[in-house]
Protein backbone atom coordinates (compact mmCIF):
# COMPACT_ATOMS: atom_id res chain seq x y z
CA MET A 1 0.00 0.00 0.00
CA PHE A 2 2.78 2.43 0.87
CA GLY A 3 5.16 1.39 -1.93
CA TYR A 4 7.35 4.12 -3.35
CA GLU A 5 8.72 2.58 -6.53
CA GLY A 6 9.10 5.08 -9.35
CA ALA A 7 7.78 7.93 -7.25
CA GLY A 8 10.40 10.32 -8.55
CA LEU A 9 8.60 10.44 -11.91
CA VAL A 10 5.35 11.65 -10.41
CA ILE A 11 6.40 15.29 -10.19
CA VAL A 12 7.72 15.25 -13.75
CA ARG A 13 4.53 13.64 -15.04
CA MET A 14 2.43 16.05 -12.98
CA THR A 15 4.30 19.08 -14.32
CA ILE A 16 3.91 17.94 -17.92
CA ILE A 17 0.20 17.16 -17.65
CA PHE A 18 -0.40 20.39 -15.71
CA ALA A 19 1.30 22.43 -18.42
CA VAL A 20 -0.66 20.68 -21.17
CA ALA A 21 -3.96 21.18 -19.31
CA LEU A 22 -3.16 24.86 -18.75
CA ILE A 23 -2.42 25.36 -22.45
CA VAL A 24 -5.69 23.70 -23.41
CA VAL A 25 -7.74 25.76 -20.95
CA ARG A 26 -6.07 29.01 -22.05
CA ALA A 27 -6.84 28.11 -25.66
CA MET A 28 -10.52 27.70 -24.73
CA GLY A 29 -10.76 31.36 -23.75
CA ASN A 30 -12.14 33.12 -20.69
CA ARG A 31 -15.62 31.58 -20.88
CA ALA A 32 -14.33 28.08 -20.16
CA VAL A 33 -13.34 28.66 -16.57
CA GLY A 34 -16.35 30.35 -14.99
CA GLN A 35 -15.33 32.27 -11.86
CA LEU A 36 -11.83 30.75 -11.66
CA SER A 37 -8.75 31.90 -13.49
CA PRO A 38 -7.30 29.31 -15.92
CA PHE A 39 -4.44 28.65 -13.51
CA ASP A 40 -6.77 28.03 -10.55
CA PHE A 41 -9.12 25.95 -12.65
CA VAL A 42 -6.38 23.55 -13.77
CA LEU A 43 -5.01 23.41 -10.22
CA MET A 44 -8.39 22.43 -8.77
CA VAL A 45 -8.97 19.81 -11.45
CA GLY A 46 -5.51 18.36 -10.80
CA ILE A 47 -6.10 18.14 -7.06
CA GLY A 48 -9.51 16.55 -7.57
CA ASP A 49 -8.11 14.00 -10.01
CA ILE A 50 -5.31 12.98 -7.65
CA VAL A 51 -7.65 12.61 -4.70
CA ALA A 52 -10.13 10.59 -6.77
CA ASN A 53 -7.44 8.27 -8.18
CA VAL A 54 -5.88 7.58 -4.80
CA ALA A 55 -9.28 7.00 -3.21
CA MET A 56 -10.76 4.77 -5.94
CA ASP A 57 -7.81 3.12 -7.71
CA LYS A 58 -6.14 0.45 -5.58
CA SER A 59 -3.09 0.46 -7.82
CA GLU A 60 -2.32 4.03 -6.73
CA THR A 61 -0.43 4.25 -3.46
CA VAL A 62 -1.03 6.85 -0.77
CA LEU A 63 2.55 8.10 -0.89
CA LEU A 64 2.41 8.57 -4.66
CA GLY A 65 -0.81 10.57 -4.29
CA ALA A 66 0.70 12.64 -1.50
CA GLU A 67 3.74 13.36 -3.66
CA GLY A 68 1.46 14.44 -6.47
CA LEU A 69 -0.39 16.86 -4.20
CA VAL A 70 2.86 18.26 -2.81
CA GLY A 71 4.11 18.57 -6.38
CA LEU A 72 1.02 20.60 -7.31
CA LEU A 73 1.51 22.75 -4.22
CA LEU A 74 5.14 23.46 -5.07
CA LEU A 75 4.24 24.11 -8.70
CA GLN A 76 1.51 26.53 -7.64
CA LYS A 77 3.91 28.39 -5.33
CA VAL A 78 6.58 28.67 -8.02
CA LEU A 79 4.19 29.80 -10.75
CA SER A 80 2.46 32.27 -8.41
CA TYR A 81 5.83 33.77 -7.50
CA LEU A 82 6.82 34.03 -11.17
CA ALA A 83 3.48 35.61 -12.01
CA LEU A 84 3.96 38.11 -9.19
CA LYS A 85 7.39 39.12 -10.46
CA ASN A 86 6.70 39.03 -14.20
CA THR A 87 3.78 40.82 -15.83
CA THR A 88 3.96 38.77 -19.02
CA LEU A 89 3.81 35.48 -17.13
CA ARG A 90 0.98 36.78 -14.96
CA LYS A 91 -1.06 37.66 -18.04
CA TRP A 92 -0.41 34.23 -19.53
CA PHE A 93 -1.20 32.29 -16.35
CA GLU A 94 -4.20 34.32 -15.20
CA GLY A 95 -5.43 35.71 -18.50
CA VAL A 96 -6.35 39.31 -19.31
CA PRO A 97 -9.73 41.08 -19.42
CA VAL A 98 -11.38 41.31 -22.83
CA THR A 99 -13.19 44.52 -23.76
CA LEU A 100 -16.54 43.79 -25.40
CA ILE A 101 -18.10 47.26 -25.39
CA GLU A 102 -16.31 50.59 -25.37
CA ASN A 103 -17.91 54.03 -25.34
CA GLY A 104 -21.29 52.61 -26.29
CA LYS A 105 -20.00 50.56 -29.23
CA ILE A 106 -19.67 46.79 -29.55
CA LEU A 107 -16.24 45.44 -30.52
CA PRO A 108 -17.19 42.43 -32.73
CA GLN A 109 -13.60 41.28 -33.25
CA ASN A 110 -13.28 40.46 -29.53
CA PHE A 111 -16.55 38.51 -29.61
CA VAL A 112 -15.21 36.28 -32.38
CA LYS A 113 -11.80 35.87 -30.79
CA HIS A 114 -13.16 34.66 -27.45
CA GLN A 115 -16.27 32.77 -28.65
CA PHE A 116 -18.61 35.20 -26.89
CA ASN A 117 -21.82 35.76 -28.86
CA TYR A 118 -24.57 38.36 -28.65
CA ASP A 119 -26.90 35.99 -26.81
CA ASP A 120 -24.25 35.70 -24.08
CA LEU A 121 -24.03 39.49 -23.97
CA ARG A 122 -27.80 39.84 -23.72
CA GLN A 123 -27.86 37.33 -20.86
CA GLU A 124 -25.14 39.16 -18.94
CA LEU A 125 -26.88 42.50 -19.48
CA HIS A 126 -30.13 41.05 -18.16
CA LYS A 127 -28.32 40.04 -14.96
CA THR A 128 -27.51 43.72 -14.39
CA GLY A 129 -31.07 44.86 -15.18
CA MET A 130 -30.12 46.15 -18.63
CA ASP A 131 -30.82 45.17 -22.24
CA MET A 132 -29.25 45.55 -25.67
CA THR A 133 -30.95 48.93 -25.97
CA ASN A 134 -28.76 50.20 -23.10
CA ILE A 135 -25.46 49.58 -24.92
CA LYS A 136 -25.15 53.30 -25.71
CA ASP A 137 -25.08 53.97 -21.96
CA ILE A 138 -22.12 51.64 -21.33
CA LYS A 139 -18.66 53.17 -21.14
CA VAL A 140 -16.77 49.88 -20.79
CA ALA A 141 -17.98 46.27 -20.63
CA ARG A 142 -15.40 43.53 -20.15
CA LEU A 143 -15.12 39.80 -19.83
CA GLU A 144 -12.75 39.40 -16.90
CA SER A 145 -10.01 36.78 -16.75
CA CYS A 146 -12.12 34.75 -14.30
CA GLY A 147 -15.00 34.66 -16.80
CA ALA A 148 -17.15 37.23 -14.95
CA PHE A 149 -18.86 40.05 -16.86
CA SER A 150 -18.37 43.59 -15.59
CA LEU A 151 -19.37 47.00 -16.89
CA ILE A 152 -19.03 50.70 -16.18
CA LEU A 153 -21.80 53.07 -17.21
CA MET A 154 -21.41 56.49 -18.77
CA ALA A 155 -21.34 59.27 -16.19
CA GLU A 156 -24.73 60.60 -17.34
CA ALA A 157 -26.27 57.12 -17.12
CA GLU A 158 -25.10 56.40 -13.57
CA PRO A 159 -27.99 56.13 -11.07
CA LEU A 160 -28.43 59.03 -8.67
CA THR A 161 -27.29 58.20 -5.16
CA ARG A 162 -28.29 59.87 -1.93
CA ARG A 163 -24.85 61.40 -1.61
CA ASP A 164 -25.11 62.88 -5.11
CA PHE A 165 -28.52 64.36 -4.27
CA GLU A 166 -27.30 65.84 -0.99
CA LYS A 167 -24.25 67.30 -2.72
CA TYR A 168 -26.46 68.79 -5.42
CA LEU A 169 -28.68 70.47 -2.83
CA GLN A 170 -25.67 71.67 -0.85
CA ASP A 171 -24.12 73.17 -3.98
CA ILE A 172 -27.37 75.01 -4.69
CA TYR A 173 -27.57 76.36 -1.15
CA ASP A 174 -23.91 77.37 -1.21
CA ASN A 175 -24.38 79.29 -4.45
CA PRO A 176 -25.64 82.78 -3.52
CA LEU A 177 -26.47 83.55 -7.16
CA SER A 178 -29.14 80.85 -7.47
CA PRO A 179 -32.74 81.62 -6.36
CA ILE A 180 -32.66 78.83 -3.79
CA GLY A 181 -29.23 79.97 -2.67
CA LYS A 182 -30.52 83.51 -2.16
CA GLN A 183 -33.45 82.23 -0.13
CA ALA A 184 -31.15 80.01 1.90
CA ALA A 185 -28.86 82.97 2.57
CA ARG A 186 -31.82 85.08 3.68
CA ILE A 187 -33.14 82.31 5.92
CA GLU A 188 -29.70 81.83 7.42
CA GLN A 189 -29.38 85.57 8.10
CA LEU A 190 -32.89 85.62 9.55
CA MET A 191 -32.02 82.77 11.91
CA LYS A 192 -28.95 84.67 13.05
CA ASP A 193 -31.07 87.77 13.69
CA VAL A 194 -33.64 85.70 15.60
CA ASN A 195 -30.88 84.22 17.73
CA ILE A 196 -29.54 87.70 18.48
CA VAL A 197 -32.99 88.97 19.46
CA ALA A 198 -33.66 85.87 21.57
CA GLU A 199 -30.35 86.30 23.37
CA HIS A 200 -31.11 89.97 23.99
CA LEU A 201 -34.58 89.12 25.39
CA ARG A 202 -33.09 86.46 27.63
CA LYS A 203 -30.63 88.93 29.08
CA GLN A 204 -33.40 91.48 29.64
CA GLN A 205 -35.50 88.84 31.42
CA ASP A 206 -32.57 87.89 33.63
CA LEU A 207 -32.06 91.57 34.45
CA VAL A 208 -35.73 92.03 35.37
CA MET A 209 -35.63 88.98 37.63
CA GLU A 210 -32.49 90.20 39.38
CA THR A 211 -33.87 93.74 40.04
CA PRO A 212 -36.52 92.78 42.69
CA GLU A 213 -33.95 90.69 44.49
CA ALA A 214 -31.60 93.66 44.60
CA GLU A 215 -34.38 96.01 45.86
CA LYS A 216 -35.39 93.50 48.57
CA THR A 217 -31.78 93.28 49.72
CA GLN A 218 -31.47 97.08 49.96
CA SER A 219 -34.71 97.43 51.95
CA THR A 220 -33.59 94.79 54.39
């Protein structure tokens, strides 16, 4: 069960098959891997295959399976380090985003290159609550390296947020030349005047209340 004959070839075989699988997946394009990058997809498949073979195939030994998993781990660490240090390798391992729509215009050459058709685009737009009629409102739409669809709307097509509305109102109030700004300035000045009058009345009331006390003290 724990034989170790020929185990030194496992890492070599694993590296070769991993490289071949990665090439095949990269050739399939971004759609083939769903939410995983091509590198992660091949890694997960490799781990699953090793675990399944060791668990189901009696001819596979535990130590050979363990060496295969360690080999995948080491390979993943090495390739991740290379991808971190080298931009070209990172693009090849992880893939690069593909622009499908730019400034409201579809780029058909990218659809053909990555086997992404208009029905796929319509489906992705529906997920975001949009349709093909909204393409003119899209600044950039991309198929990410993980296979996810993302988009950025034109500035004028962005939904109004509460912060935008509050900023808009604040800008109007801060602008003394606008009618609302003039009214706001008058109201603000009126409130200041009211506060001044209220403070003056309070002082007068305090003075009136103190006067009888002073007269009573003098008479005593």
